[in-house]
């Protein structure tokens, strides 16, 4: 992890980075398990070509999915969305979730939680932000999301 990213994380979460380990699984982002000096552990995703506002929108979407309280959802801890430029740092820090597998009871809980989440509804498909015409982001794609 480079020093600019290390400093951006520390500033955003209010604790120094004690250790950072690259974690696999990302196609669009680099992923890191970050241990902080205050004992917290985070998952941090970052990408040199992350679009401005992308991580902010993702964090808002995660908070919106958590609102009904039907499922455990990754908790956004910090977003850094620096303006474009050669020193731009963009990242999304989430509370760390230990890897594992669901047993049969966990699978049933997940299924019921997803059904309850869908039943909670939304004003329209893809809508969660204050601006109803805000585009929907899926990876590098930006899709028009205005009512039609």
N, C-alpha and C. Protein backbone atom coordinates (compact mmCIF):
# COMPACT_ATOMS: atom_id res chain seq x y z
N UNK A 1 0.86 -1.16 0.00
CA UNK A 1 0.00 0.00 0.00
C UNK A 1 0.91 1.23 0.00
N UNK A 2 0.59 2.19 -0.86
CA UNK A 2 1.46 3.37 -0.93
C UNK A 2 1.14 4.34 0.20
N UNK A 3 2.06 5.27 0.42
CA UNK A 3 1.97 6.19 1.55
C UNK A 3 0.76 7.12 1.45
N UNK A 4 0.40 7.55 0.25
CA UNK A 4 -0.76 8.44 0.09
C UNK A 4 -2.04 7.74 0.52
N UNK A 5 -2.19 6.47 0.15
CA UNK A 5 -3.37 5.70 0.55
C UNK A 5 -3.36 5.48 2.06
N UNK A 6 -2.21 5.13 2.60
CA UNK A 6 -2.07 4.92 4.04
C UNK A 6 -2.49 6.19 4.80
N UNK A 7 -2.00 7.35 4.38
CA UNK A 7 -2.34 8.61 5.03
C UNK A 7 -3.81 8.95 4.87
N UNK A 8 -4.38 8.70 3.68
CA UNK A 8 -5.79 9.00 3.44
C UNK A 8 -6.69 8.16 4.36
N UNK A 9 -6.34 6.88 4.54
CA UNK A 9 -7.12 6.02 5.43
C UNK A 9 -7.02 6.54 6.86
N UNK A 10 -5.81 6.80 7.32
CA UNK A 10 -5.62 7.27 8.70
C UNK A 10 -6.39 8.55 8.97
N UNK A 11 -6.35 9.49 8.05
CA UNK A 11 -7.07 10.75 8.21
C UNK A 11 -8.58 10.51 8.23
N UNK A 12 -9.07 9.67 7.33
CA UNK A 12 -10.51 9.43 7.20
C UNK A 12 -11.10 8.71 8.41
N UNK A 13 -10.36 7.80 9.02
CA UNK A 13 -10.92 6.99 10.11
C UNK A 13 -10.41 7.41 11.48
N UNK A 14 -9.43 8.32 11.52
CA UNK A 14 -8.96 8.83 12.80
C UNK A 14 -8.04 7.90 13.57
N UNK A 15 -7.37 7.01 12.87
CA UNK A 15 -6.42 6.09 13.51
C UNK A 15 -5.37 5.70 12.48
N UNK A 16 -4.14 5.54 12.95
CA UNK A 16 -3.05 5.15 12.06
C UNK A 16 -3.24 3.72 11.56
N UNK A 17 -2.72 3.46 10.39
CA UNK A 17 -2.71 2.11 9.83
C UNK A 17 -1.54 1.36 10.45
N UNK A 18 -1.85 0.25 11.13
CA UNK A 18 -0.81 -0.57 11.75
C UNK A 18 -0.29 -1.62 10.77
N UNK A 19 -1.19 -2.15 9.95
CA UNK A 19 -0.81 -3.18 8.97
C UNK A 19 -1.85 -3.19 7.85
N UNK A 20 -1.40 -3.54 6.66
CA UNK A 20 -2.30 -3.67 5.52
C UNK A 20 -1.88 -4.87 4.69
N UNK A 21 -2.86 -5.70 4.35
CA UNK A 21 -2.60 -6.90 3.57
C UNK A 21 -3.53 -6.91 2.37
N UNK A 22 -2.99 -7.07 1.18
CA UNK A 22 -3.82 -7.17 -0.02
C UNK A 22 -4.70 -8.41 0.09
N UNK A 23 -5.96 -8.26 -0.31
CA UNK A 23 -6.89 -9.39 -0.32
C UNK A 23 -7.40 -9.58 -1.74
N UNK A 24 -7.61 -10.83 -2.15
CA UNK A 24 -8.06 -11.10 -3.51
C UNK A 24 -9.55 -10.87 -3.68
N UNK A 25 -9.96 -10.88 -4.94
CA UNK A 25 -11.39 -10.90 -5.23
C UNK A 25 -11.89 -9.72 -6.03
N UNK A 26 -11.11 -8.69 -6.18
CA UNK A 26 -11.59 -7.53 -6.91
C UNK A 26 -11.19 -7.54 -8.37
N UNK A 27 -12.12 -7.17 -9.23
CA UNK A 27 -11.81 -7.01 -10.65
C UNK A 27 -11.62 -5.53 -10.98
N UNK A 28 -12.40 -4.68 -10.32
CA UNK A 28 -12.37 -3.25 -10.61
C UNK A 28 -11.55 -2.47 -9.59
N UNK A 29 -11.32 -3.05 -8.42
CA UNK A 29 -10.66 -2.35 -7.32
C UNK A 29 -9.55 -3.21 -6.75
N UNK A 30 -8.65 -2.54 -6.02
CA UNK A 30 -7.70 -3.25 -5.18
C UNK A 30 -8.33 -3.33 -3.80
N UNK A 31 -8.23 -4.48 -3.17
CA UNK A 31 -8.81 -4.68 -1.84
C UNK A 31 -7.73 -4.89 -0.80
N UNK A 32 -7.96 -4.34 0.40
CA UNK A 32 -6.99 -4.42 1.49
C UNK A 32 -7.68 -4.75 2.80
N UNK A 33 -7.09 -5.65 3.56
CA UNK A 33 -7.45 -5.81 4.97
C UNK A 33 -6.53 -4.86 5.71
N UNK A 34 -7.14 -3.92 6.44
CA UNK A 34 -6.36 -2.89 7.12
C UNK A 34 -6.60 -3.01 8.62
N UNK A 35 -5.52 -3.21 9.37
CA UNK A 35 -5.56 -3.22 10.83
C UNK A 35 -5.14 -1.84 11.30
N UNK A 36 -5.96 -1.24 12.14
CA UNK A 36 -5.69 0.11 12.64
C UNK A 36 -5.03 0.06 14.01
N UNK A 37 -4.33 1.12 14.35
CA UNK A 37 -3.65 1.21 15.64
C UNK A 37 -4.63 1.13 16.80
N UNK A 38 -5.89 1.54 16.58
CA UNK A 38 -6.88 1.51 17.67
C UNK A 38 -7.57 0.15 17.80
N UNK A 39 -7.12 -0.85 17.02
CA UNK A 39 -7.65 -2.21 17.14
C UNK A 39 -8.74 -2.56 16.13
N UNK A 40 -9.28 -1.59 15.42
CA UNK A 40 -10.31 -1.90 14.42
C UNK A 40 -9.67 -2.54 13.20
N UNK A 41 -10.47 -3.30 12.48
CA UNK A 41 -10.04 -3.90 11.21
C UNK A 41 -11.05 -3.48 10.15
N UNK A 42 -10.53 -3.09 8.99
CA UNK A 42 -11.37 -2.61 7.90
C UNK A 42 -11.08 -3.37 6.62
N UNK A 43 -12.05 -3.34 5.72
CA UNK A 43 -11.83 -3.70 4.33
C UNK A 43 -11.81 -2.38 3.57
N UNK A 44 -10.75 -2.14 2.82
CA UNK A 44 -10.62 -0.90 2.06
C UNK A 44 -10.50 -1.26 0.59
N UNK A 45 -11.34 -0.62 -0.22
CA UNK A 45 -11.23 -0.80 -1.65
C UNK A 45 -10.85 0.53 -2.28
N UNK A 46 -10.02 0.45 -3.30
CA UNK A 46 -9.52 1.64 -3.97
C UNK A 46 -9.17 1.29 -5.40
N UNK A 47 -9.17 2.29 -6.24
CA UNK A 47 -8.75 2.10 -7.63
C UNK A 47 -8.26 3.43 -8.16
N UNK A 48 -7.17 3.39 -8.90
CA UNK A 48 -6.61 4.61 -9.47
C UNK A 48 -7.59 5.28 -10.42
N UNK A 49 -8.43 4.49 -11.08
CA UNK A 49 -9.37 5.05 -12.05
C UNK A 49 -10.81 5.07 -11.55
N UNK A 50 -10.99 5.03 -10.23
CA UNK A 50 -12.36 5.09 -9.67
C UNK A 50 -13.00 6.40 -10.08
N UNK A 51 -14.24 6.36 -10.56
CA UNK A 51 -14.88 7.62 -10.99
C UNK A 51 -15.21 8.50 -9.79
N UNK A 52 -15.09 9.82 -9.95
CA UNK A 52 -15.47 10.71 -8.86
C UNK A 52 -16.92 10.44 -8.45
N UNK A 53 -17.15 10.33 -7.16
CA UNK A 53 -18.50 10.08 -6.66
C UNK A 53 -18.89 8.62 -6.60
N UNK A 54 -18.10 7.74 -7.19
CA UNK A 54 -18.47 6.32 -7.24
C UNK A 54 -18.53 5.68 -5.87
N UNK A 55 -17.51 5.89 -5.05
CA UNK A 55 -17.50 5.29 -3.71
C UNK A 55 -18.52 5.97 -2.80
N UNK A 56 -18.75 7.25 -2.99
CA UNK A 56 -19.77 7.95 -2.21
C UNK A 56 -21.15 7.35 -2.51
N UNK A 57 -21.41 7.09 -3.78
CA UNK A 57 -22.69 6.48 -4.17
C UNK A 57 -22.79 5.05 -3.62
N UNK A 58 -21.69 4.31 -3.65
CA UNK A 58 -21.72 2.94 -3.12
C UNK A 58 -22.00 2.93 -1.62
N UNK A 59 -21.36 3.84 -0.88
CA UNK A 59 -21.61 3.92 0.56
C UNK A 59 -23.06 4.29 0.83
N UNK A 60 -23.61 5.22 0.06
CA UNK A 60 -25.02 5.60 0.23
C UNK A 60 -25.93 4.41 -0.05
N UNK A 61 -25.61 3.63 -1.08
CA UNK A 61 -26.41 2.45 -1.39
C UNK A 61 -26.35 1.41 -0.29
N UNK A 62 -25.19 1.20 0.30
CA UNK A 62 -25.07 0.25 1.42
C UNK A 62 -25.87 0.72 2.63
N UNK A 63 -25.81 2.02 2.93
CA UNK A 63 -26.60 2.54 4.05
C UNK A 63 -28.09 2.37 3.79
N UNK A 64 -28.50 2.60 2.55
CA UNK A 64 -29.91 2.46 2.18
C UNK A 64 -30.36 1.00 2.32
N UNK A 65 -29.51 0.06 1.88
CA UNK A 65 -29.85 -1.36 2.01
C UNK A 65 -29.95 -1.78 3.48
N UNK A 66 -29.20 -1.13 4.35
CA UNK A 66 -29.22 -1.47 5.78
C UNK A 66 -30.44 -0.90 6.50
N UNK A 67 -31.06 0.16 5.95
CA UNK A 67 -32.16 0.85 6.64
C UNK A 67 -33.29 -0.07 7.13
N UNK A 68 -33.79 -0.99 6.32
CA UNK A 68 -34.90 -1.82 6.80
C UNK A 68 -34.51 -2.76 7.96
N UNK A 69 -33.21 -3.00 8.14
CA UNK A 69 -32.75 -3.86 9.22
C UNK A 69 -33.04 -5.34 9.01
N UNK A 70 -33.24 -5.74 7.76
CA UNK A 70 -33.59 -7.13 7.48
C UNK A 70 -32.37 -8.03 7.28
N UNK A 71 -31.23 -7.42 6.95
CA UNK A 71 -30.00 -8.16 6.68
C UNK A 71 -28.81 -7.42 7.26
N UNK A 72 -27.78 -8.16 7.59
CA UNK A 72 -26.52 -7.53 7.93
C UNK A 72 -25.89 -7.06 6.62
N UNK A 73 -25.54 -5.79 6.56
CA UNK A 73 -24.97 -5.20 5.36
C UNK A 73 -23.62 -4.60 5.74
N UNK A 74 -22.64 -4.70 4.85
CA UNK A 74 -21.33 -4.12 5.11
C UNK A 74 -21.48 -2.66 5.50
N UNK A 75 -20.87 -2.30 6.62
CA UNK A 75 -21.04 -0.95 7.18
C UNK A 75 -19.96 0.00 6.67
N UNK A 76 -20.36 1.05 5.94
CA UNK A 76 -19.38 2.05 5.52
C UNK A 76 -18.80 2.78 6.73
N UNK A 77 -17.48 2.88 6.77
CA UNK A 77 -16.80 3.58 7.86
C UNK A 77 -16.29 4.92 7.37
N UNK A 78 -15.79 4.97 6.15
CA UNK A 78 -15.27 6.23 5.60
C UNK A 78 -15.23 6.16 4.09
N UNK A 79 -15.38 7.33 3.48
CA UNK A 79 -15.24 7.48 2.03
C UNK A 79 -14.28 8.63 1.80
N UNK A 80 -13.33 8.43 0.91
CA UNK A 80 -12.44 9.51 0.48
C UNK A 80 -12.66 9.62 -1.02
N UNK A 81 -13.06 10.81 -1.45
CA UNK A 81 -13.39 11.02 -2.85
C UNK A 81 -12.68 12.28 -3.33
N UNK A 82 -11.35 12.22 -3.36
CA UNK A 82 -10.55 13.37 -3.77
C UNK A 82 -10.90 13.80 -5.19
N UNK A 83 -10.79 15.10 -5.46
CA UNK A 83 -11.00 15.55 -6.84
C UNK A 83 -9.94 14.96 -7.78
N UNK A 84 -10.26 14.97 -9.05
CA UNK A 84 -9.34 14.42 -10.04
C UNK A 84 -8.01 15.16 -9.99
N UNK A 85 -6.98 14.45 -10.30
CA UNK A 85 -5.65 15.04 -10.33
C UNK A 85 -4.62 13.97 -10.12
N UNK A 86 -3.40 14.33 -10.23
CA UNK A 86 -2.35 13.33 -10.15
C UNK A 86 -2.20 12.76 -8.74
N UNK A 87 -2.62 13.50 -7.71
CA UNK A 87 -2.54 13.01 -6.33
C UNK A 87 -3.89 12.52 -5.80
N UNK A 88 -4.86 12.31 -6.68
CA UNK A 88 -6.19 11.92 -6.25
C UNK A 88 -6.16 10.57 -5.54
N UNK A 89 -6.84 10.50 -4.41
CA UNK A 89 -7.01 9.24 -3.69
C UNK A 89 -8.51 9.05 -3.51
N UNK A 90 -8.99 7.90 -3.91
CA UNK A 90 -10.40 7.56 -3.71
C UNK A 90 -10.44 6.19 -3.05
N UNK A 91 -11.27 6.08 -2.01
CA UNK A 91 -11.38 4.81 -1.32
C UNK A 91 -12.71 4.70 -0.60
N UNK A 92 -13.09 3.47 -0.35
CA UNK A 92 -14.23 3.15 0.49
C UNK A 92 -13.74 2.20 1.56
N UNK A 93 -13.91 2.58 2.82
CA UNK A 93 -13.53 1.73 3.95
C UNK A 93 -14.79 1.17 4.58
N UNK A 94 -14.82 -0.14 4.75
CA UNK A 94 -15.97 -0.83 5.35
C UNK A 94 -15.50 -1.58 6.58
N UNK A 95 -16.41 -1.76 7.54
CA UNK A 95 -16.10 -2.61 8.68
C UNK A 95 -15.77 -4.01 8.15
N UNK A 96 -14.73 -4.61 8.70
CA UNK A 96 -14.28 -5.93 8.25
C UNK A 96 -15.31 -6.99 8.60
N UNK A 97 -15.55 -7.89 7.68
CA UNK A 97 -16.42 -9.06 7.91
C UNK A 97 -15.54 -10.28 7.72
N UNK A 98 -15.46 -11.11 8.74
CA UNK A 98 -14.64 -12.33 8.64
C UNK A 98 -15.19 -13.25 7.56
N UNK A 99 -14.33 -13.79 6.72
CA UNK A 99 -14.80 -14.73 5.70
C UNK A 99 -15.36 -15.99 6.34
N UNK A 100 -16.28 -16.60 5.66
CA UNK A 100 -16.86 -17.85 6.16
C UNK A 100 -17.92 -18.36 5.21
N UNK A 101 -18.59 -19.40 5.64
CA UNK A 101 -19.67 -20.00 4.84
C UNK A 101 -20.91 -20.10 5.70
N UNK A 102 -22.06 -19.99 5.04
CA UNK A 102 -23.33 -20.14 5.75
C UNK A 102 -23.68 -21.61 5.88
N UNK A 103 -24.25 -21.96 7.03
CA UNK A 103 -24.83 -23.30 7.16
C UNK A 103 -26.28 -23.21 6.67
N UNK A 104 -27.04 -24.29 6.78
CA UNK A 104 -28.41 -24.31 6.27
C UNK A 104 -29.27 -23.24 6.94
N UNK A 105 -29.12 -23.06 8.25
CA UNK A 105 -29.90 -22.04 8.96
C UNK A 105 -29.52 -20.64 8.47
N UNK A 106 -28.23 -20.42 8.23
CA UNK A 106 -27.77 -19.13 7.73
C UNK A 106 -28.31 -18.85 6.33
N UNK A 107 -28.37 -19.88 5.50
CA UNK A 107 -28.92 -19.71 4.15
C UNK A 107 -30.39 -19.34 4.22
N UNK A 108 -31.13 -19.97 5.13
CA UNK A 108 -32.55 -19.64 5.27
C UNK A 108 -32.73 -18.21 5.79
N UNK A 109 -31.91 -17.82 6.75
CA UNK A 109 -31.98 -16.45 7.27
C UNK A 109 -31.68 -15.44 6.17
N UNK A 110 -30.68 -15.74 5.34
CA UNK A 110 -30.34 -14.86 4.23
C UNK A 110 -31.52 -14.75 3.26
N UNK A 111 -32.09 -15.86 2.89
CA UNK A 111 -33.22 -15.85 1.96
C UNK A 111 -34.40 -15.06 2.49
N UNK A 112 -34.74 -15.27 3.75
CA UNK A 112 -35.85 -14.52 4.36
C UNK A 112 -35.52 -13.03 4.45
N UNK A 113 -34.28 -12.72 4.78
CA UNK A 113 -33.86 -11.33 4.86
C UNK A 113 -33.92 -10.63 3.52
N UNK A 114 -33.50 -11.33 2.46
CA UNK A 114 -33.59 -10.76 1.11
C UNK A 114 -35.04 -10.51 0.71
N UNK A 115 -35.92 -11.46 1.04
CA UNK A 115 -37.34 -11.27 0.73
C UNK A 115 -37.90 -10.06 1.47
N UNK A 116 -37.53 -9.90 2.74
CA UNK A 116 -38.00 -8.74 3.52
C UNK A 116 -37.42 -7.45 2.96
N UNK A 117 -36.17 -7.49 2.53
CA UNK A 117 -35.54 -6.30 1.95
C UNK A 117 -36.29 -5.89 0.68
N UNK A 118 -36.60 -6.84 -0.18
CA UNK A 118 -37.35 -6.52 -1.39
C UNK A 118 -38.74 -6.00 -1.07
N UNK A 119 -39.36 -6.53 -0.04
CA UNK A 119 -40.70 -6.08 0.35
C UNK A 119 -40.67 -4.65 0.91
N UNK A 120 -39.52 -4.21 1.41
CA UNK A 120 -39.41 -2.85 1.96
C UNK A 120 -39.61 -1.81 0.87
N UNK A 121 -39.29 -2.16 -0.36
CA UNK A 121 -39.58 -1.30 -1.50
C UNK A 121 -38.66 -0.11 -1.66
N UNK A 122 -38.96 0.62 -2.72
CA UNK A 122 -38.24 1.84 -3.08
C UNK A 122 -39.20 2.66 -3.94
N UNK A 123 -38.97 3.96 -4.03
CA UNK A 123 -39.86 4.79 -4.84
C UNK A 123 -39.92 4.34 -6.30
N UNK A 124 -38.82 3.77 -6.78
CA UNK A 124 -38.77 3.21 -8.14
C UNK A 124 -37.50 2.38 -8.24
N UNK A 125 -37.35 1.63 -9.29
CA UNK A 125 -36.20 0.76 -9.47
C UNK A 125 -34.91 1.57 -9.42
N UNK A 126 -33.96 1.14 -8.61
CA UNK A 126 -32.66 1.78 -8.54
C UNK A 126 -32.61 3.08 -7.79
N UNK A 127 -33.70 3.49 -7.16
CA UNK A 127 -33.75 4.79 -6.50
C UNK A 127 -33.39 4.67 -5.03
N UNK A 128 -32.43 5.48 -4.59
CA UNK A 128 -32.15 5.60 -3.17
C UNK A 128 -31.60 6.96 -2.81
N UNK A 129 -31.13 7.72 -3.79
CA UNK A 129 -30.52 9.01 -3.51
C UNK A 129 -31.54 10.13 -3.45
N UNK A 130 -31.07 11.30 -3.03
CA UNK A 130 -31.92 12.48 -2.92
C UNK A 130 -32.34 12.97 -4.31
N UNK A 131 -31.47 12.81 -5.30
CA UNK A 131 -31.75 13.27 -6.65
C UNK A 131 -32.29 12.10 -7.47
N UNK A 132 -33.58 12.13 -7.82
CA UNK A 132 -34.16 10.99 -8.55
C UNK A 132 -33.56 10.76 -9.93
N UNK A 133 -32.89 11.77 -10.48
CA UNK A 133 -32.29 11.60 -11.81
C UNK A 133 -30.81 11.22 -11.71
N UNK A 134 -30.29 11.01 -10.50
CA UNK A 134 -28.89 10.64 -10.35
C UNK A 134 -28.63 9.32 -11.05
N UNK A 135 -27.55 9.24 -11.85
CA UNK A 135 -27.30 8.00 -12.58
C UNK A 135 -26.97 6.84 -11.65
N UNK A 136 -27.28 5.67 -12.10
CA UNK A 136 -26.97 4.43 -11.38
C UNK A 136 -25.60 3.96 -11.86
N UNK A 137 -24.73 3.61 -10.92
CA UNK A 137 -23.39 3.12 -11.28
C UNK A 137 -23.31 1.62 -11.06
N UNK A 138 -22.78 0.94 -12.05
CA UNK A 138 -22.49 -0.49 -11.95
C UNK A 138 -21.07 -0.64 -12.47
N UNK A 139 -20.11 -0.73 -11.54
CA UNK A 139 -18.71 -0.76 -11.92
C UNK A 139 -18.38 0.51 -12.68
N UNK A 140 -17.76 0.39 -13.84
CA UNK A 140 -17.39 1.58 -14.60
C UNK A 140 -18.55 2.17 -15.40
N UNK A 141 -19.69 1.49 -15.42
CA UNK A 141 -20.83 1.95 -16.21
C UNK A 141 -21.67 2.95 -15.43
N UNK A 142 -22.13 3.96 -16.11
CA UNK A 142 -23.06 4.93 -15.53
C UNK A 142 -24.32 4.88 -16.36
N UNK A 143 -25.43 4.49 -15.71
CA UNK A 143 -26.68 4.30 -16.43
C UNK A 143 -27.66 5.41 -16.08
N UNK A 144 -28.36 5.95 -17.07
CA UNK A 144 -29.38 6.95 -16.77
C UNK A 144 -30.42 6.33 -15.86
N UNK A 145 -30.89 7.09 -14.89
CA UNK A 145 -31.81 6.53 -13.89
C UNK A 145 -33.02 7.42 -13.65
N UNK A 146 -33.24 8.38 -14.54
CA UNK A 146 -34.38 9.27 -14.37
C UNK A 146 -35.69 8.53 -14.61
N UNK A 147 -36.76 9.00 -13.97
CA UNK A 147 -38.07 8.37 -14.19
C UNK A 147 -38.47 8.45 -15.67
N UNK A 148 -39.10 7.40 -16.14
CA UNK A 148 -39.56 7.38 -17.53
C UNK A 148 -40.89 6.65 -17.61
